[in-house]
Amino acid sequence: MRRALGPERGIRQITLADIGEAAGMHKSAMLRYFETRDEVFPRLTADGWREWPAALRAGLGELAAPTPSAVAGAFASALAARGLFCDLLAQAPPNLSATSRWTRYAPSSSSPWPRSTRS
């Protein structure tokens, strides 16, 4: 999916047909892989969870003095540079209740983030 769709229109406004068009596929072809657009979003969110820690580590590594304010700034900068990821995170609770397939895209055991133990 062309990730520019999210920043252009916001996640809530994107349809499965939009995603298919951006990917060069007809909506009917997309339906072979995803039943709804809400099944696409967890994959993109998982990608963001894999990419964001590296950017955060890089930002933290550039700090001359890791004061609380500087660390907070590094977190904010790493997130601000990923508007689509933030939008996807804001949409995650509705998407999680809409699809039971989220666990397929959850961070792997090699993820730097712990898995939730809640069921």
C-alpha atoms as a PDB file:
ATOM      1  CA  MET A   1       0.000   0.000   0.000  1.00  0.00           C
ATOM      2  CA  ARG A   2       1.244   3.447  -0.780  1.00  0.00           C
ATOM      3  CA  ARG A   3       1.693   4.788   2.733  1.00  0.00           C
ATOM      4  CA  ALA A   4       0.898   8.310   1.568  1.00  0.00           C
ATOM      5  CA  LEU A   5      -2.827   7.521   1.715  1.00  0.00           C
ATOM      6  CA  GLY A   6      -2.923   7.892   5.493  1.00  0.00           C
ATOM      7  CA  PRO A   7      -1.264  11.305   5.730  1.00  0.00           C
ATOM      8  CA  GLU A   8      -3.228  12.560   2.717  1.00  0.00           C
ATOM      9  CA  ARG A   9      -6.674  11.662   4.005  1.00  0.00           C
ATOM     10  CA  GLY A  10      -6.414  10.093   7.437  1.00  0.00           C
ATOM     11  CA  ILE A  11      -6.912   6.440   8.252  1.00  0.00           C
ATOM     12  CA  ARG A  12     -10.652   6.765   8.912  1.00  0.00           C
ATOM     13  CA  GLN A  13     -11.297   7.969   5.372  1.00  0.00           C
ATOM     14  CA  ILE A  14      -9.430   5.212   3.519  1.00  0.00           C
ATOM     15  CA  THR A  15     -11.456   2.454   1.871  1.00  0.00           C
ATOM     16  CA  LEU A  16     -10.343  -0.979   0.717  1.00  0.00           C
ATOM     17  CA  ALA A  17     -10.856   0.264  -2.850  1.00  0.00           C
ATOM     18  CA  ASP A  18      -8.443   3.158  -2.132  1.00  0.00           C
ATOM     19  CA  ILE A  19      -5.856   0.718  -0.784  1.00  0.00           C
ATOM     20  CA  GLY A  20      -6.271  -1.526  -3.824  1.00  0.00           C
ATOM     21  CA  GLU A  21      -5.930   1.393  -6.214  1.00  0.00           C
ATOM     22  CA  ALA A  22      -2.766   2.603  -4.459  1.00  0.00           C
ATOM     23  CA  ALA A  23      -1.367  -0.936  -4.623  1.00  0.00           C
ATOM     24  CA  GLY A  24      -2.303  -1.280  -8.296  1.00  0.00           C
ATOM     25  CA  MET A  25      -4.964  -3.886  -7.554  1.00  0.00           C
ATOM     26  CA  HIS A  26      -8.710  -3.971  -8.089  1.00  0.00           C
ATOM     27  CA  LYS A  27     -10.813  -4.147  -4.933  1.00  0.00           C
ATOM     28  CA  SER A  28     -11.950  -7.671  -5.854  1.00  0.00           C
ATOM     29  CA  ALA A  29      -8.300  -8.783  -5.959  1.00  0.00           C
ATOM     30  CA  MET A  30      -7.703  -7.168  -2.555  1.00  0.00           C
ATOM     31  CA  LEU A  31     -10.621  -9.173  -1.179  1.00  0.00           C
ATOM     32  CA  ARG A  32      -8.631 -12.349  -1.831  1.00  0.00           C
ATOM     33  CA  TYR A  33      -6.163 -11.206   0.830  1.00  0.00           C
ATOM     34  CA  PHE A  34      -8.199  -8.982   3.162  1.00  0.00           C
ATOM     35  CA  GLU A  35     -11.886  -9.110   4.036  1.00  0.00           C
ATOM     36  CA  THR A  36     -11.926  -5.472   5.156  1.00  0.00           C
ATOM     37  CA  ARG A  37      -9.628  -2.458   5.268  1.00  0.00           C
ATOM     38  CA  ASP A  38      -9.354  -3.007   9.013  1.00  0.00           C
ATOM     39  CA  GLU A  39      -7.293  -6.123   8.323  1.00  0.00           C
ATOM     40  CA  VAL A  40      -4.691  -4.029   6.473  1.00  0.00           C
ATOM     41  CA  PHE A  41      -4.138  -1.586   9.326  1.00  0.00           C
ATOM     42  CA  PRO A  42      -2.682  -4.067  11.855  1.00  0.00           C
ATOM     43  CA  ARG A  43      -0.010  -5.023   9.318  1.00  0.00           C
ATOM     44  CA  LEU A  44       0.956  -1.388   8.868  1.00  0.00           C
ATOM     45  CA  THR A  45       0.876  -0.856  12.629  1.00  0.00           C
ATOM     46  CA  ALA A  46       3.154  -3.861  13.129  1.00  0.00           C
ATOM     47  CA  ASP A  47       5.546  -2.391  10.541  1.00  0.00           C
ATOM     48  CA  GLY A  48       5.556   0.852  12.511  1.00  0.00           C
ATOM     49  CA  TRP A  49       6.302  -1.001  15.732  1.00  0.00           C
ATOM     50  CA  ARG A  50       9.302  -2.601  14.026  1.00  0.00           C
ATOM     51  CA  GLU A  51      10.595   0.683  12.525  1.00  0.00           C
ATOM     52  CA  TRP A  52       9.984   3.163  15.342  1.00  0.00           C
ATOM     53  CA  PRO A  53      12.349   1.688  17.986  1.00  0.00           C
ATOM     54  CA  ALA A  54      15.322   1.960  15.620  1.00  0.00           C
ATOM     55  CA  ALA A  55      14.538   5.604  14.957  1.00  0.00           C
ATOM     56  CA  LEU A  56      14.097   6.224  18.670  1.00  0.00           C
ATOM     57  CA  ARG A  57      17.412   4.532  19.494  1.00  0.00           C
ATOM     58  CA  ALA A  58      19.131   6.670  16.861  1.00  0.00           C
ATOM     59  CA  GLY A  59      17.609   9.830  18.327  1.00  0.00           C
ATOM     60  CA  LEU A  60      18.590   8.836  21.839  1.00  0.00           C
ATOM     61  CA  GLY A  61      22.105   8.027  20.640  1.00  0.00           C
ATOM     62  CA  GLU A  62      22.509  11.574  19.342  1.00  0.00           C
ATOM     63  CA  LEU A  63      21.817  13.140  22.735  1.00  0.00           C
ATOM     64  CA  ALA A  64      24.819  14.850  24.272  1.00  0.00           C
ATOM     65  CA  ALA A  65      23.186  14.791  27.705  1.00  0.00           C
ATOM     66  CA  PRO A  66      20.230  12.433  28.256  1.00  0.00           C
ATOM     67  CA  THR A  67      18.208  14.746  30.477  1.00  0.00           C
ATOM     68  CA  PRO A  68      14.513  13.957  30.964  1.00  0.00           C
ATOM     69  CA  SER A  69      13.606  16.822  28.657  1.00  0.00           C
ATOM     70  CA  ALA A  70      16.012  15.649  25.949  1.00  0.00           C
ATOM     71  CA  VAL A  71      14.760  12.057  26.181  1.00  0.00           C
ATOM     72  CA  ALA A  72      11.151  13.266  25.957  1.00  0.00           C
ATOM     73  CA  GLY A  73      12.128  15.319  22.922  1.00  0.00           C
ATOM     74  CA  ALA A  74      13.677  12.269  21.256  1.00  0.00           C
ATOM     75  CA  PHE A  75      10.479  10.267  21.862  1.00  0.00           C
ATOM     76  CA  ALA A  76       8.336  13.114  20.525  1.00  0.00           C
ATOM     77  CA  SER A  77      10.524  13.595  17.443  1.00  0.00           C
ATOM     78  CA  ALA A  78      10.557   9.882  16.620  1.00  0.00           C
ATOM     79  CA  LEU A  79       6.756   9.769  16.816  1.00  0.00           C
ATOM     80  CA  ALA A  80       6.149  13.102  15.076  1.00  0.00           C
ATOM     81  CA  ALA A  81       8.136  11.869  12.084  1.00  0.00           C
ATOM     82  CA  ARG A  82       5.693   8.926  11.819  1.00  0.00           C
ATOM     83  CA  GLY A  83       2.265  10.504  11.463  1.00  0.00           C
ATOM     84  CA  LEU A  84       0.760   7.427   9.826  1.00  0.00           C
ATOM     85  CA  PHE A  85       2.020   5.214  12.654  1.00  0.00           C
ATOM     86  CA  CYS A  86       0.484   7.553  15.241  1.00  0.00           C
ATOM     87  CA  ASP A  87      -2.818   7.593  13.335  1.00  0.00           C
ATOM     88  CA  LEU A  88      -2.755   3.800  13.160  1.00  0.00           C
ATOM     89  CA  LEU A  89      -2.077   3.582  16.906  1.00  0.00           C
ATOM     90  CA  ALA A  90      -5.034   5.868  17.574  1.00  0.00           C
ATOM     91  CA  GLN A  91      -7.214   3.549  15.478  1.00  0.00           C
ATOM     92  CA  ALA A  92      -5.866   0.299  16.966  1.00  0.00           C
ATOM     93  CA  PRO A  93      -8.551  -0.215  19.661  1.00  0.00           C
ATOM     94  CA  PRO A  94     -11.474   0.017  17.178  1.00  0.00           C
ATOM     95  CA  ASN A  95      -9.571  -2.157  14.714  1.00  0.00           C
ATOM     96  CA  LEU A  96      -8.746  -4.731  17.368  1.00  0.00           C
ATOM     97  CA  SER A  97     -12.397  -5.126  18.246  1.00  0.00           C
ATOM     98  CA  ALA A  98     -13.337  -5.283  14.570  1.00  0.00           C
ATOM     99  CA  THR A  99     -10.965  -8.090  13.674  1.00  0.00           C
ATOM    100  CA  SER A 100      -9.805 -11.147  15.534  1.00  0.00           C
ATOM    101  CA  ARG A 101      -6.745 -11.571  13.326  1.00  0.00           C
ATOM    102  CA  TRP A 102      -4.591  -9.018  15.148  1.00  0.00           C
ATOM    103  CA  THR A 103      -2.385 -11.629  16.796  1.00  0.00           C
ATOM    104  CA  ARG A 104      -1.063 -12.597  13.379  1.00  0.00           C
ATOM    105  CA  TYR A 105       0.616  -9.171  13.183  1.00  0.00           C
ATOM    106  CA  ALA A 106       1.620  -8.702  16.815  1.00  0.00           C
ATOM    107  CA  PRO A 107       5.293  -8.002  17.518  1.00  0.00           C
ATOM    108  CA  SER A 108       7.459 -11.094  17.347  1.00  0.00           C
ATOM    109  CA  SER A 109       9.539 -12.515  20.149  1.00  0.00           C
ATOM    110  CA  SER A 110      12.497 -10.562  18.748  1.00  0.00           C
ATOM    111  CA  SER A 111      10.618  -7.296  19.308  1.00  0.00           C
ATOM    112  CA  PRO A 112      12.122  -4.900  21.856  1.00  0.00           C
ATOM    113  CA  TRP A 113       8.590  -4.423  23.259  1.00  0.00           C
ATOM    114  CA  PRO A 114       6.976  -6.908  25.643  1.00  0.00           C
ATOM    115  CA  ARG A 115       3.803  -8.690  24.612  1.00  0.00           C
ATOM    116  CA  SER A 116       0.708  -8.038  26.626  1.00  0.00           C
ATOM    117  CA  THR A 117      -0.339 -10.838  28.929  1.00  0.00           C
ATOM    118  CA  ARG A 118      -3.952  -9.670  28.996  1.00  0.00           C
ATOM    119  CA  SER A 119      -6.436 -11.774  27.082  1.00  0.00           C
END
